[in-house]
């Protein structure tokens, strides 16, 4: 074996963690909206450990990957929840309009 022969590329710890989380295309550049969350000490220690071993650059990146992984693992369920929330929002808007029409109609 010559010195110039390349060794097979080893999977990085980050790649292994993301693969186990079922996150296909976790990219920091896709994250545009900040979300603030309070977490217990144990969760923060785990996030810090993931940062310390180089799996993620920051707590924020680790938390985002974990949340994305959790959602990706049950995408069908979360799609249904999103559809139901949109439907609920439309019904709430219609109810609000009906209430405003009723109140304003009695005042006019």
N, C-alpha and C. Protein backbone atom coordinates (compact mmCIF):
# COMPACT_ATOMS: atom_id res chain seq x y z
N UNK A 1 0.85 -1.17 0.00
CA UNK A 1 0.00 0.00 0.00
C UNK A 1 0.90 1.23 0.00
N UNK A 2 0.68 2.12 -0.93
CA UNK A 2 1.53 3.30 -1.03
C UNK A 2 1.06 4.38 -0.08
N UNK A 3 1.97 5.34 0.19
CA UNK A 3 1.64 6.45 1.09
C UNK A 3 0.55 7.34 0.52
N UNK A 4 0.44 7.35 -0.81
CA UNK A 4 -0.52 8.26 -1.44
C UNK A 4 -1.91 7.65 -1.58
N UNK A 5 -2.05 6.37 -1.24
CA UNK A 5 -3.37 5.76 -1.30
C UNK A 5 -4.26 6.37 -0.23
N UNK A 6 -5.46 6.71 -0.63
CA UNK A 6 -6.37 7.34 0.33
C UNK A 6 -7.07 6.29 1.17
N UNK A 7 -7.19 6.61 2.43
CA UNK A 7 -7.95 5.75 3.32
C UNK A 7 -9.43 6.03 3.09
N UNK A 8 -10.26 5.03 3.32
CA UNK A 8 -11.70 5.29 3.18
C UNK A 8 -12.12 6.39 4.16
N UNK A 9 -12.96 7.28 3.68
CA UNK A 9 -13.40 8.39 4.53
C UNK A 9 -14.27 7.85 5.66
N UNK A 10 -13.90 8.23 6.87
CA UNK A 10 -14.68 7.82 8.04
C UNK A 10 -15.84 8.78 8.24
N UNK A 11 -16.92 8.23 8.65
CA UNK A 11 -18.10 9.04 8.94
C UNK A 11 -17.81 9.87 10.19
N UNK A 12 -18.10 11.15 10.12
CA UNK A 12 -17.87 12.01 11.28
C UNK A 12 -18.91 11.74 12.35
N UNK A 13 -18.59 12.12 13.55
CA UNK A 13 -19.52 11.97 14.66
C UNK A 13 -20.81 12.73 14.37
N UNK A 14 -20.66 13.92 13.83
CA UNK A 14 -21.83 14.73 13.47
C UNK A 14 -22.72 13.99 12.48
N UNK A 15 -22.11 13.39 11.46
CA UNK A 15 -22.88 12.64 10.46
C UNK A 15 -23.60 11.45 11.10
N UNK A 16 -22.92 10.77 12.01
CA UNK A 16 -23.54 9.63 12.69
C UNK A 16 -24.70 10.08 13.55
N UNK A 17 -24.53 11.18 14.29
CA UNK A 17 -25.61 11.68 15.14
C UNK A 17 -26.81 12.07 14.29
N UNK A 18 -26.56 12.82 13.21
CA UNK A 18 -27.66 13.25 12.36
C UNK A 18 -28.36 12.06 11.71
N UNK A 19 -27.60 11.05 11.32
CA UNK A 19 -28.20 9.87 10.71
C UNK A 19 -29.11 9.17 11.72
N UNK A 20 -28.66 9.07 12.96
CA UNK A 20 -29.47 8.43 14.00
C UNK A 20 -30.72 9.24 14.33
N UNK A 21 -30.66 10.54 14.09
CA UNK A 21 -31.82 11.39 14.35
C UNK A 21 -32.80 11.38 13.17
N UNK A 22 -32.44 10.71 12.09
CA UNK A 22 -33.24 10.68 10.87
C UNK A 22 -33.40 12.06 10.27
N UNK A 23 -32.39 12.88 10.38
CA UNK A 23 -32.41 14.21 9.77
C UNK A 23 -31.66 14.10 8.46
N UNK A 24 -32.39 14.21 7.36
CA UNK A 24 -31.78 14.02 6.05
C UNK A 24 -30.90 15.19 5.65
N UNK A 25 -31.42 16.38 5.76
CA UNK A 25 -30.69 17.53 5.22
C UNK A 25 -30.68 18.67 6.22
N UNK A 26 -30.14 18.42 7.40
CA UNK A 26 -30.08 19.48 8.40
C UNK A 26 -29.01 20.46 7.99
N UNK A 27 -29.42 21.66 7.72
CA UNK A 27 -28.49 22.71 7.32
C UNK A 27 -28.76 23.94 8.17
N UNK A 28 -27.72 24.49 8.73
CA UNK A 28 -27.87 25.69 9.54
C UNK A 28 -28.42 26.84 8.72
N UNK A 29 -28.08 26.89 7.43
CA UNK A 29 -28.53 27.99 6.58
C UNK A 29 -30.04 27.98 6.38
N UNK A 30 -30.69 26.82 6.59
CA UNK A 30 -32.14 26.74 6.45
C UNK A 30 -32.87 27.30 7.67
N UNK A 31 -32.16 27.53 8.74
CA UNK A 31 -32.79 28.00 9.97
C UNK A 31 -32.85 29.52 9.95
N UNK A 32 -34.05 30.05 9.84
CA UNK A 32 -34.21 31.49 9.74
C UNK A 32 -34.94 32.10 10.93
N UNK A 33 -35.72 31.31 11.63
CA UNK A 33 -36.60 31.84 12.67
C UNK A 33 -36.08 31.42 14.05
N UNK A 34 -35.71 32.39 14.89
CA UNK A 34 -35.25 32.03 16.23
C UNK A 34 -36.42 31.62 17.12
N UNK A 35 -36.19 30.62 17.95
CA UNK A 35 -37.19 30.15 18.91
C UNK A 35 -36.49 30.05 20.26
N UNK A 36 -37.07 30.67 21.26
CA UNK A 36 -36.50 30.63 22.61
C UNK A 36 -37.25 29.56 23.40
N UNK A 37 -36.50 28.71 24.09
CA UNK A 37 -37.13 27.65 24.87
C UNK A 37 -36.39 27.47 26.19
N UNK A 38 -37.15 27.24 27.24
CA UNK A 38 -36.55 26.91 28.53
C UNK A 38 -36.45 25.39 28.61
N UNK A 39 -35.31 24.92 29.06
CA UNK A 39 -35.09 23.48 29.15
C UNK A 39 -34.52 23.13 30.51
N UNK A 40 -34.75 21.89 30.92
CA UNK A 40 -34.23 21.49 32.22
C UNK A 40 -32.73 21.22 32.13
N UNK A 41 -32.12 21.12 33.30
CA UNK A 41 -30.66 21.00 33.39
C UNK A 41 -30.14 19.77 32.63
N UNK A 42 -30.84 18.66 32.73
CA UNK A 42 -30.39 17.43 32.07
C UNK A 42 -30.34 17.61 30.56
N UNK A 43 -31.35 18.23 29.99
CA UNK A 43 -31.39 18.46 28.54
C UNK A 43 -30.24 19.38 28.13
N UNK A 44 -30.02 20.43 28.90
CA UNK A 44 -28.93 21.37 28.58
C UNK A 44 -27.58 20.66 28.66
N UNK A 45 -27.41 19.78 29.65
CA UNK A 45 -26.15 19.03 29.76
C UNK A 45 -25.94 18.14 28.54
N UNK A 46 -27.00 17.54 28.03
CA UNK A 46 -26.89 16.72 26.83
C UNK A 46 -26.53 17.58 25.63
N UNK A 47 -27.19 18.73 25.49
CA UNK A 47 -26.85 19.64 24.39
C UNK A 47 -25.39 20.07 24.49
N UNK A 48 -24.96 20.43 25.69
CA UNK A 48 -23.57 20.84 25.90
C UNK A 48 -22.60 19.70 25.57
N UNK A 49 -22.97 18.47 25.90
CA UNK A 49 -22.12 17.32 25.60
C UNK A 49 -21.99 17.13 24.09
N UNK A 50 -23.08 17.30 23.37
CA UNK A 50 -23.04 17.18 21.91
C UNK A 50 -22.14 18.25 21.30
N UNK A 51 -22.16 19.45 21.89
CA UNK A 51 -21.28 20.52 21.43
C UNK A 51 -19.83 20.20 21.80
N UNK A 52 -19.61 19.72 23.02
CA UNK A 52 -18.25 19.44 23.50
C UNK A 52 -17.55 18.37 22.66
N UNK A 53 -18.29 17.38 22.19
CA UNK A 53 -17.66 16.32 21.39
C UNK A 53 -17.58 16.67 19.91
N UNK A 54 -18.07 17.85 19.57
CA UNK A 54 -17.95 18.31 18.19
C UNK A 54 -19.06 17.88 17.26
N UNK A 55 -20.12 17.31 17.82
CA UNK A 55 -21.24 16.89 16.96
C UNK A 55 -21.99 18.10 16.42
N UNK A 56 -22.03 19.17 17.20
CA UNK A 56 -22.70 20.41 16.79
C UNK A 56 -21.85 21.60 17.21
N UNK A 57 -22.08 22.72 16.54
CA UNK A 57 -21.32 23.93 16.83
C UNK A 57 -21.86 24.69 18.04
N UNK A 58 -23.14 24.51 18.34
CA UNK A 58 -23.76 25.28 19.42
C UNK A 58 -24.95 24.52 20.00
N UNK A 59 -25.40 24.97 21.17
CA UNK A 59 -26.62 24.42 21.75
C UNK A 59 -27.78 24.59 20.80
N UNK A 60 -27.85 25.77 20.21
CA UNK A 60 -28.94 26.08 19.29
C UNK A 60 -28.99 25.09 18.14
N UNK A 61 -27.83 24.83 17.55
CA UNK A 61 -27.77 23.88 16.43
C UNK A 61 -28.16 22.48 16.88
N UNK A 62 -27.70 22.07 18.05
CA UNK A 62 -28.03 20.74 18.57
C UNK A 62 -29.53 20.63 18.84
N UNK A 63 -30.09 21.64 19.49
CA UNK A 63 -31.53 21.62 19.80
C UNK A 63 -32.35 21.60 18.51
N UNK A 64 -31.95 22.40 17.54
CA UNK A 64 -32.68 22.44 16.27
C UNK A 64 -32.64 21.08 15.58
N UNK A 65 -31.48 20.43 15.58
CA UNK A 65 -31.36 19.11 14.95
C UNK A 65 -32.22 18.07 15.67
N UNK A 66 -32.24 18.13 17.00
CA UNK A 66 -33.04 17.17 17.76
C UNK A 66 -34.53 17.38 17.52
N UNK A 67 -34.97 18.62 17.49
CA UNK A 67 -36.38 18.91 17.23
C UNK A 67 -36.73 18.47 15.81
N UNK A 68 -35.89 18.83 14.85
CA UNK A 68 -36.14 18.45 13.47
C UNK A 68 -36.18 16.93 13.32
N UNK A 69 -35.28 16.25 14.02
CA UNK A 69 -35.27 14.79 13.98
C UNK A 69 -36.54 14.19 14.55
N UNK A 70 -37.01 14.75 15.65
CA UNK A 70 -38.24 14.25 16.27
C UNK A 70 -39.43 14.44 15.33
N UNK A 71 -39.51 15.60 14.69
CA UNK A 71 -40.61 15.87 13.77
C UNK A 71 -40.49 15.00 12.52
N UNK A 72 -39.29 14.87 12.00
CA UNK A 72 -39.08 14.06 10.79
C UNK A 72 -39.46 12.60 11.02
N UNK A 73 -39.25 12.11 12.23
CA UNK A 73 -39.54 10.71 12.50
C UNK A 73 -41.04 10.42 12.52
N UNK A 74 -41.86 11.46 12.67
CA UNK A 74 -43.33 11.30 12.66
C UNK A 74 -43.96 12.34 11.75
N UNK A 75 -43.38 12.50 10.57
CA UNK A 75 -43.81 13.55 9.65
C UNK A 75 -45.30 13.44 9.30
N UNK A 76 -45.80 12.22 9.13
CA UNK A 76 -47.21 12.04 8.80
C UNK A 76 -48.10 12.60 9.91
N UNK A 77 -47.75 12.34 11.14
CA UNK A 77 -48.52 12.85 12.28
C UNK A 77 -48.49 14.38 12.32
N UNK A 78 -47.30 14.97 12.14
CA UNK A 78 -47.19 16.42 12.23
C UNK A 78 -47.82 17.12 11.03
N UNK A 79 -47.87 16.46 9.86
CA UNK A 79 -48.60 17.02 8.72
C UNK A 79 -50.09 17.09 9.04
N UNK A 80 -50.62 16.03 9.64
CA UNK A 80 -52.03 16.01 10.03
C UNK A 80 -52.32 17.10 11.07
N UNK A 81 -51.44 17.26 12.04
CA UNK A 81 -51.62 18.30 13.06
C UNK A 81 -51.62 19.68 12.41
N UNK A 82 -50.71 19.91 11.48
CA UNK A 82 -50.64 21.20 10.79
C UNK A 82 -51.92 21.47 10.01
N UNK A 83 -52.46 20.44 9.33
CA UNK A 83 -53.70 20.60 8.57
C UNK A 83 -54.87 20.90 9.50
N UNK A 84 -54.93 20.21 10.62
CA UNK A 84 -56.02 20.46 11.58
C UNK A 84 -55.92 21.86 12.17
N UNK A 85 -54.71 22.32 12.44
CA UNK A 85 -54.52 23.67 12.98
C UNK A 85 -54.96 24.71 11.97
N UNK A 86 -54.65 24.50 10.69
CA UNK A 86 -55.06 25.44 9.64
C UNK A 86 -56.58 25.47 9.53
N UNK A 87 -57.21 24.32 9.61
CA UNK A 87 -58.67 24.23 9.55
C UNK A 87 -59.30 24.93 10.75
N UNK A 88 -58.73 24.73 11.92
CA UNK A 88 -59.22 25.38 13.13
C UNK A 88 -59.10 26.89 13.01
N UNK A 89 -58.00 27.36 12.48
CA UNK A 89 -57.78 28.80 12.32
C UNK A 89 -58.84 29.40 11.40
N UNK A 90 -59.18 28.70 10.32
CA UNK A 90 -60.22 29.19 9.40
C UNK A 90 -61.57 29.26 10.10
N UNK A 91 -61.89 28.24 10.89
CA UNK A 91 -63.17 28.24 11.62
C UNK A 91 -63.20 29.36 12.67
N UNK A 92 -62.07 29.60 13.34
CA UNK A 92 -62.01 30.68 14.32
C UNK A 92 -62.20 32.04 13.64
N UNK A 93 -61.57 32.22 12.49
CA UNK A 93 -61.73 33.47 11.74
C UNK A 93 -63.19 33.68 11.34
N UNK A 94 -63.84 32.62 10.87
CA UNK A 94 -65.25 32.71 10.47
C UNK A 94 -66.13 33.03 11.67
N UNK A 95 -65.85 32.41 12.80
CA UNK A 95 -66.63 32.67 14.02
C UNK A 95 -66.43 34.10 14.48
N UNK A 96 -65.21 34.61 14.42
CA UNK A 96 -64.93 35.99 14.81
C UNK A 96 -65.68 36.97 13.91
N UNK A 97 -65.66 36.71 12.61
CA UNK A 97 -66.37 37.58 11.66
C UNK A 97 -67.87 37.56 11.94
N UNK A 98 -68.42 36.37 12.21
CA UNK A 98 -69.85 36.27 12.51
C UNK A 98 -70.18 37.03 13.79
N UNK A 99 -69.33 36.93 14.81
CA UNK A 99 -69.55 37.65 16.07
C UNK A 99 -69.48 39.15 15.85
N UNK A 100 -68.51 39.60 15.07
CA UNK A 100 -68.39 41.04 14.79
C UNK A 100 -69.60 41.54 14.01
N UNK A 101 -70.04 40.77 13.02
CA UNK A 101 -71.21 41.16 12.24
C UNK A 101 -72.45 41.25 13.14
N UNK A 102 -72.59 40.29 14.05
CA UNK A 102 -73.74 40.29 14.95
C UNK A 102 -73.71 41.50 15.88
N UNK A 103 -72.54 41.80 16.44
CA UNK A 103 -72.42 42.93 17.36
C UNK A 103 -72.59 44.24 16.62
N UNK A 104 -71.89 44.40 15.52
CA UNK A 104 -71.98 45.64 14.76
C UNK A 104 -73.35 45.82 14.14
N UNK A 105 -74.00 44.72 13.78
CA UNK A 105 -75.35 44.79 13.22
C UNK A 105 -76.36 45.30 14.24
N UNK A 106 -76.19 44.93 15.50
CA UNK A 106 -77.11 45.38 16.56
C UNK A 106 -76.85 46.83 16.94
N UNK A 107 -75.59 47.27 16.75
CA UNK A 107 -75.26 48.65 17.10
C UNK A 107 -75.69 49.62 16.01
N UNK A 108 -75.80 49.12 14.79
CA UNK A 108 -76.07 50.00 13.65
C UNK A 108 -77.48 50.23 13.39
